[in-house]
Amino acid sequence: MKALITGASSGIGRDMAYYLANLGYDLILVARRKERLEEIKEKVKTNVQILVLDLLKEENVFKLHEQVKKENIDILINNAGFGLFGMFSKTDLTRELEMIDLNIKAYHILTKLFLIDFIKKDNGYILNVCSSAGFLVGPRLNTYYATKNYITKLTMGIYEELKHQNSHVHISCLCPGPVATEFNSVAHGVFSLKEMPSRKVAKYAIDRMFKNKLIIVPGFSVKLGLFFNRIIPWKLSMAITYKIQKRKYPEEK
C-alpha cells in the first residue's frame, strides 16, 4: 500500500503522512523543503520516498507523475497550496498567478493523470484538500476562495462521473475551516476563528476518505456555517465573509 502526498512538509499534509504510515502505508512525500521531509522519514516505520519539487512550475507537476507512474500508488493526496490576504486591487498579481498555478493547475493536472491511472486498474483514492472556502465567496481573500471553489466543484463533478461508470476509484474533497498550520504566515493574515489541530483534521479526513465520502467537513461549527450559507442570500453571505476577513487583516483599509 502506497500514498503520494503533495505539500507534505508541514500542517495537514505532514500529519496525513504520519497517520497513513501508522496504518501501514509506504509514502511518497513531495514538497520544497527537503529537511522537513527527512524529519518525517526518520520518525515513521514504513518506507518513505522523498521528492523535492516546486509544484508552482508546471513542468515539475508533469515530472512528478512521470517519476512515480510505475509505482503502485493507492492514494493521491493533493495538499500543496497557499493563500493571500488583502483587497483584490492591492494584492500582488504575480503572487496571485503563482497561487493559481499551485492551487488549481497542479491539482488539476495531478488529479487527471492519476485518475486515468486509477481507472485503468479500477482502484484508488484521490483526496483533494480544498477548504470550506470552496462553497463561499471570499472578499479580502478573493483569489484563494476562487481557487478552492474550482477544485471543490471539479472534485464533485468527477465523483458523479465515477459513480455513473460504476468505478471502484473514489474521489473526495476535504473542506475544513481554519486549521492550525503555516497558512497565516504565508498569507500574511490571522484567523479570527478558532483553529482546529491539523492532526485531528488529517485523521478525520483519511478516515472518511476510506468511507468514500465526497465532501469531508471537520467540525460541527463549520458544518453549521456551511448549512446556513446555503439558505441565506448571497449578498448577506458576502457581507459576513468580508467582516470575518477584515478581522484577519485589520490594518488594510
Protein backbone atom coordinates (compact mmCIF):
# COMPACT_ATOMS: atom_id res chain seq x y z
CA MET A 1 0.00 0.00 0.00
CA LYS A 2 1.40 3.37 -1.02
CA ALA A 3 0.27 7.00 -0.76
CA LEU A 4 1.56 10.11 -2.54
CA ILE A 5 1.16 13.40 -0.67
CA THR A 6 1.99 16.85 -2.02
CA GLY A 7 2.67 19.72 0.36
CA ALA A 8 3.80 17.07 2.85
CA SER A 9 6.39 19.10 4.77
CA SER A 10 4.01 20.71 7.27
CA GLY A 11 0.43 21.04 8.52
CA ILE A 12 -2.27 18.75 7.23
CA GLY A 13 -0.02 17.06 4.68
CA ARG A 14 2.59 16.19 7.30
CA ASP A 15 0.00 14.85 9.72
CA MET A 16 -1.66 12.80 6.99
CA ALA A 17 1.75 11.27 6.28
CA TYR A 18 2.16 10.26 9.93
CA TYR A 19 -1.36 8.84 10.12
CA LEU A 20 -1.09 6.83 6.90
CA ALA A 21 2.30 5.48 7.96
CA ASN A 22 0.70 4.30 11.21
CA LEU A 23 -1.85 2.48 9.06
CA GLY A 24 0.99 0.72 7.27
CA TYR A 25 1.24 2.79 4.08
CA ASP A 26 4.53 3.45 2.35
CA LEU A 27 4.83 7.11 1.42
CA ILE A 28 5.95 9.31 -1.44
CA LEU A 29 6.29 12.79 0.02
CA VAL A 30 6.54 15.89 -2.17
CA ALA A 31 7.48 19.40 -1.05
CA ARG A 32 10.20 22.03 -1.47
CA ARG A 33 11.76 21.66 1.99
CA LYS A 34 13.89 18.53 2.00
CA GLU A 35 14.85 18.76 5.65
CA ARG A 36 11.20 18.75 6.74
CA LEU A 37 10.50 15.64 4.65
CA GLU A 38 13.56 13.93 6.08
CA GLU A 39 12.23 14.56 9.60
CA ILE A 40 9.06 12.66 8.70
CA LYS A 41 11.08 9.85 7.13
CA GLU A 42 13.12 9.43 10.32
CA LYS A 43 10.02 9.21 12.52
CA VAL A 44 7.92 6.64 10.62
CA LYS A 45 8.46 2.90 10.27
CA THR A 46 7.24 2.45 6.70
CA ASN A 47 9.21 3.14 3.52
CA VAL A 48 9.40 6.82 2.53
CA GLN A 49 10.49 8.25 -0.81
CA ILE A 50 11.25 11.98 -0.84
CA LEU A 51 10.79 14.15 -3.92
CA VAL A 52 11.89 17.78 -3.64
CA LEU A 53 9.84 19.63 -6.23
CA ASP A 54 8.31 23.09 -6.57
CA LEU A 55 4.84 22.42 -7.99
CA LEU A 56 4.41 26.10 -8.86
CA LYS A 57 6.22 25.12 -12.04
CA GLU A 58 4.02 23.20 -14.46
CA GLU A 59 6.92 21.14 -15.80
CA ASN A 60 7.56 19.84 -12.28
CA VAL A 61 3.96 18.67 -11.96
CA PHE A 62 4.31 16.53 -15.09
CA LYS A 63 7.77 15.45 -13.91
CA LEU A 64 6.27 14.22 -10.65
CA HIS A 65 3.77 11.97 -12.41
CA GLU A 66 6.43 10.71 -14.79
CA GLN A 67 8.71 9.78 -11.89
CA VAL A 68 6.11 7.81 -9.94
CA LYS A 69 3.67 6.47 -12.52
CA LYS A 70 5.23 2.99 -12.38
CA GLU A 71 4.82 2.87 -8.61
CA ASN A 72 1.76 1.04 -7.38
CA ILE A 73 0.16 4.11 -5.81
CA ASP A 74 -3.13 3.58 -3.99
CA ILE A 75 -3.78 7.11 -2.72
CA LEU A 76 -3.12 10.56 -4.17
CA ILE A 77 -3.47 13.47 -1.76
CA ASN A 78 -3.29 16.92 -3.37
CA ASN A 79 -2.46 19.19 -0.48
CA ALA A 80 0.08 21.80 -1.65
CA GLY A 81 -1.33 25.32 -1.71
CA PHE A 82 -1.34 28.78 -0.13
CA GLY A 83 -3.46 31.91 0.28
CA LEU A 84 -3.01 35.68 0.23
CA PHE A 85 -4.95 38.16 2.35
CA GLY A 86 -5.83 41.64 1.10
CA MET A 87 -8.08 43.70 -1.15
CA PHE A 88 -8.02 42.41 -4.73
CA SER A 89 -6.98 45.84 -6.04
CA LYS A 90 -3.92 45.81 -3.76
CA THR A 91 -2.67 42.21 -3.68
CA ASP A 92 0.36 41.24 -5.73
CA LEU A 93 -0.60 39.93 -9.18
CA THR A 94 2.50 37.78 -9.57
CA ARG A 95 1.81 36.05 -6.27
CA GLU A 96 -1.83 35.50 -7.24
CA LEU A 97 -0.83 33.89 -10.53
CA GLU A 98 1.53 31.63 -8.60
CA MET A 99 -1.39 30.70 -6.36
CA ILE A 100 -3.48 29.78 -9.39
CA ASP A 101 -0.61 27.67 -10.71
CA LEU A 102 -0.32 25.75 -7.45
CA ASN A 103 -3.88 25.69 -6.09
CA ILE A 104 -5.56 24.98 -9.44
CA LYS A 105 -3.20 23.87 -12.20
CA ALA A 106 -1.14 21.45 -10.12
CA TYR A 107 -4.28 19.90 -8.59
CA HIS A 108 -5.97 19.69 -11.98
CA ILE A 109 -3.02 18.03 -13.71
CA LEU A 110 -2.29 15.51 -10.97
CA THR A 111 -5.96 14.66 -10.46
CA LYS A 112 -6.40 13.99 -14.16
CA LEU A 113 -3.23 11.97 -14.68
CA PHE A 114 -3.66 9.79 -11.60
CA LEU A 115 -7.39 9.41 -12.21
CA ILE A 116 -6.58 7.90 -15.62
CA ASP A 117 -4.07 5.56 -13.96
CA PHE A 118 -6.51 4.55 -11.24
CA ILE A 119 -9.36 3.97 -13.70
CA LYS A 120 -7.15 1.59 -15.67
CA LYS A 121 -6.70 -0.62 -12.60
CA ASP A 122 -10.20 0.22 -11.27
CA ASN A 123 -8.87 1.07 -7.84
CA GLY A 124 -7.54 4.02 -5.89
CA TYR A 125 -8.37 7.08 -3.80
CA ILE A 126 -7.88 10.76 -4.62
CA LEU A 127 -8.23 13.27 -1.81
CA ASN A 128 -8.15 16.94 -2.81
CA VAL A 129 -7.51 19.22 0.14
CA CYS A 130 -9.87 22.11 -0.51
CA SER A 131 -11.49 24.36 2.09
CA SER A 132 -14.85 25.49 3.39
CA ALA A 133 -13.93 28.48 1.19
CA GLY A 134 -14.83 26.23 -1.74
CA PHE A 135 -18.51 26.92 -1.03
CA LEU A 136 -18.19 30.64 -0.36
CA VAL A 137 -17.35 33.99 -1.92
CA GLY A 138 -14.19 35.42 -0.37
CA PRO A 139 -13.78 39.20 -0.31
CA ARG A 140 -10.33 40.15 1.04
CA LEU A 141 -9.11 36.61 0.25
CA ASN A 142 -10.58 36.53 -3.24
CA THR A 143 -8.12 34.52 -5.27
CA TYR A 144 -7.73 31.82 -2.62
CA TYR A 145 -11.50 31.35 -2.33
CA ALA A 146 -11.81 31.23 -6.12
CA THR A 147 -9.14 28.53 -6.40
CA LYS A 148 -10.83 26.42 -3.76
CA ASN A 149 -14.22 26.84 -5.48
CA TYR A 150 -12.62 25.50 -8.67
CA ILE A 151 -11.14 22.39 -7.07
CA THR A 152 -14.20 21.66 -4.94
CA LYS A 153 -16.54 21.75 -7.92
CA LEU A 154 -14.08 19.83 -10.11
CA THR A 155 -13.90 17.08 -7.49
CA MET A 156 -17.67 16.92 -7.17
CA GLY A 157 -18.10 16.61 -10.93
CA ILE A 158 -15.53 13.80 -11.16
CA TYR A 159 -17.26 12.00 -8.29
CA GLU A 160 -20.52 11.97 -10.23
CA GLU A 161 -18.79 10.71 -13.38
CA LEU A 162 -17.17 7.86 -11.47
CA LYS A 163 -20.50 6.92 -9.92
CA HIS A 164 -22.12 6.57 -13.34
CA GLN A 165 -19.16 4.49 -14.53
CA ASN A 166 -19.64 2.10 -11.60
CA SER A 167 -15.98 2.69 -10.87
CA HIS A 168 -14.09 1.47 -7.81
CA VAL A 169 -12.00 4.64 -7.91
CA HIS A 170 -13.00 7.11 -5.21
CA ILE A 171 -12.51 10.87 -5.02
CA SER A 172 -13.14 13.18 -2.08
CA CYS A 173 -12.54 16.80 -1.13
CA LEU A 174 -11.56 17.94 2.34
CA CYS A 175 -13.24 21.24 3.20
CA PRO A 176 -12.11 22.38 6.66
CA GLY A 177 -12.48 25.74 8.30
CA PRO A 178 -9.44 27.33 9.99
CA VAL A 179 -6.67 24.81 10.74
CA ALA A 180 -3.53 25.36 12.82
CA THR A 181 -0.95 25.31 10.01
CA GLU A 182 1.51 27.73 8.38
CA PHE A 183 -1.30 29.23 6.28
CA ASN A 184 -1.43 32.51 8.20
CA SER A 185 2.28 33.25 7.97
CA VAL A 186 2.31 32.58 4.23
CA ALA A 187 -0.90 34.51 3.56
CA HIS A 188 0.10 37.43 5.84
CA GLY A 189 -3.04 37.40 7.96
CA VAL A 190 -4.53 35.99 11.15
CA PHE A 191 -7.57 33.73 11.52
CA SER A 192 -10.24 35.30 13.71
CA LEU A 193 -11.93 31.95 14.37
CA LYS A 194 -10.62 29.09 16.48
CA GLU A 195 -8.30 26.81 14.53
CA MET A 196 -8.63 23.02 14.59
CA PRO A 197 -5.46 20.99 15.21
CA SER A 198 -4.07 19.76 11.91
CA ARG A 199 -3.54 16.27 13.32
CA LYS A 200 -7.23 15.98 14.15
CA VAL A 201 -8.23 17.23 10.69
CA ALA A 202 -5.83 14.81 9.00
CA LYS A 203 -7.22 11.75 10.81
CA TYR A 204 -10.81 12.83 10.24
CA ALA A 205 -10.15 13.31 6.53
CA ILE A 206 -8.37 9.99 5.95
CA ASP A 207 -10.99 8.01 7.90
CA ARG A 208 -13.83 9.49 5.85
CA MET A 209 -11.94 9.17 2.58
CA PHE A 210 -11.81 5.42 3.21
CA LYS A 211 -15.59 5.53 3.73
CA ASN A 212 -15.90 7.06 0.24
CA LYS A 213 -17.32 10.37 1.47
CA LEU A 214 -17.41 13.07 -1.19
CA ILE A 215 -17.43 16.23 0.96
CA ILE A 216 -15.43 15.99 4.18
CA VAL A 217 -16.04 18.86 6.62
CA PRO A 218 -14.38 18.57 10.04
CA GLY A 219 -16.02 20.37 12.93
CA PHE A 220 -19.68 20.92 13.80
CA SER A 221 -19.46 24.72 13.70
CA VAL A 222 -18.06 24.66 10.14
CA LYS A 223 -20.79 22.23 9.03
CA LEU A 224 -23.39 24.51 10.60
CA GLY A 225 -21.93 27.59 8.97
CA LEU A 226 -21.94 25.99 5.51
CA PHE A 227 -25.53 24.84 6.03
CA PHE A 228 -26.74 28.35 6.83
CA ASN A 229 -24.76 29.76 3.93
CA ARG A 230 -26.92 27.66 1.61
CA ILE A 231 -30.13 29.29 2.79
CA ILE A 232 -29.15 32.94 3.25
CA PRO A 233 -28.91 35.48 0.38
CA TRP A 234 -25.56 35.73 -1.41
CA LYS A 235 -25.14 39.42 -0.55
CA LEU A 236 -25.58 38.70 3.15
CA SER A 237 -23.11 35.83 2.91
CA MET A 238 -20.55 38.07 1.22
CA ALA A 239 -21.02 40.81 3.83
CA ILE A 240 -20.45 38.33 6.65
CA THR A 241 -17.35 36.92 4.97
CA TYR A 242 -15.99 40.44 4.40
CA LYS A 243 -16.27 41.25 8.11
CA ILE A 244 -14.62 37.95 9.08
CA GLN A 245 -11.74 38.56 6.67
CA LYS A 246 -11.35 42.15 7.87
CA ARG A 247 -10.66 40.86 11.37
CA LYS A 248 -7.89 38.71 9.90
CA TYR A 249 -6.25 41.67 8.17
CA PRO A 250 -7.45 44.75 10.10
CA GLU A 251 -4.69 47.19 9.14
CA GLU A 252 -5.77 47.34 5.48
CA LYS A 253 -8.43 49.91 4.61
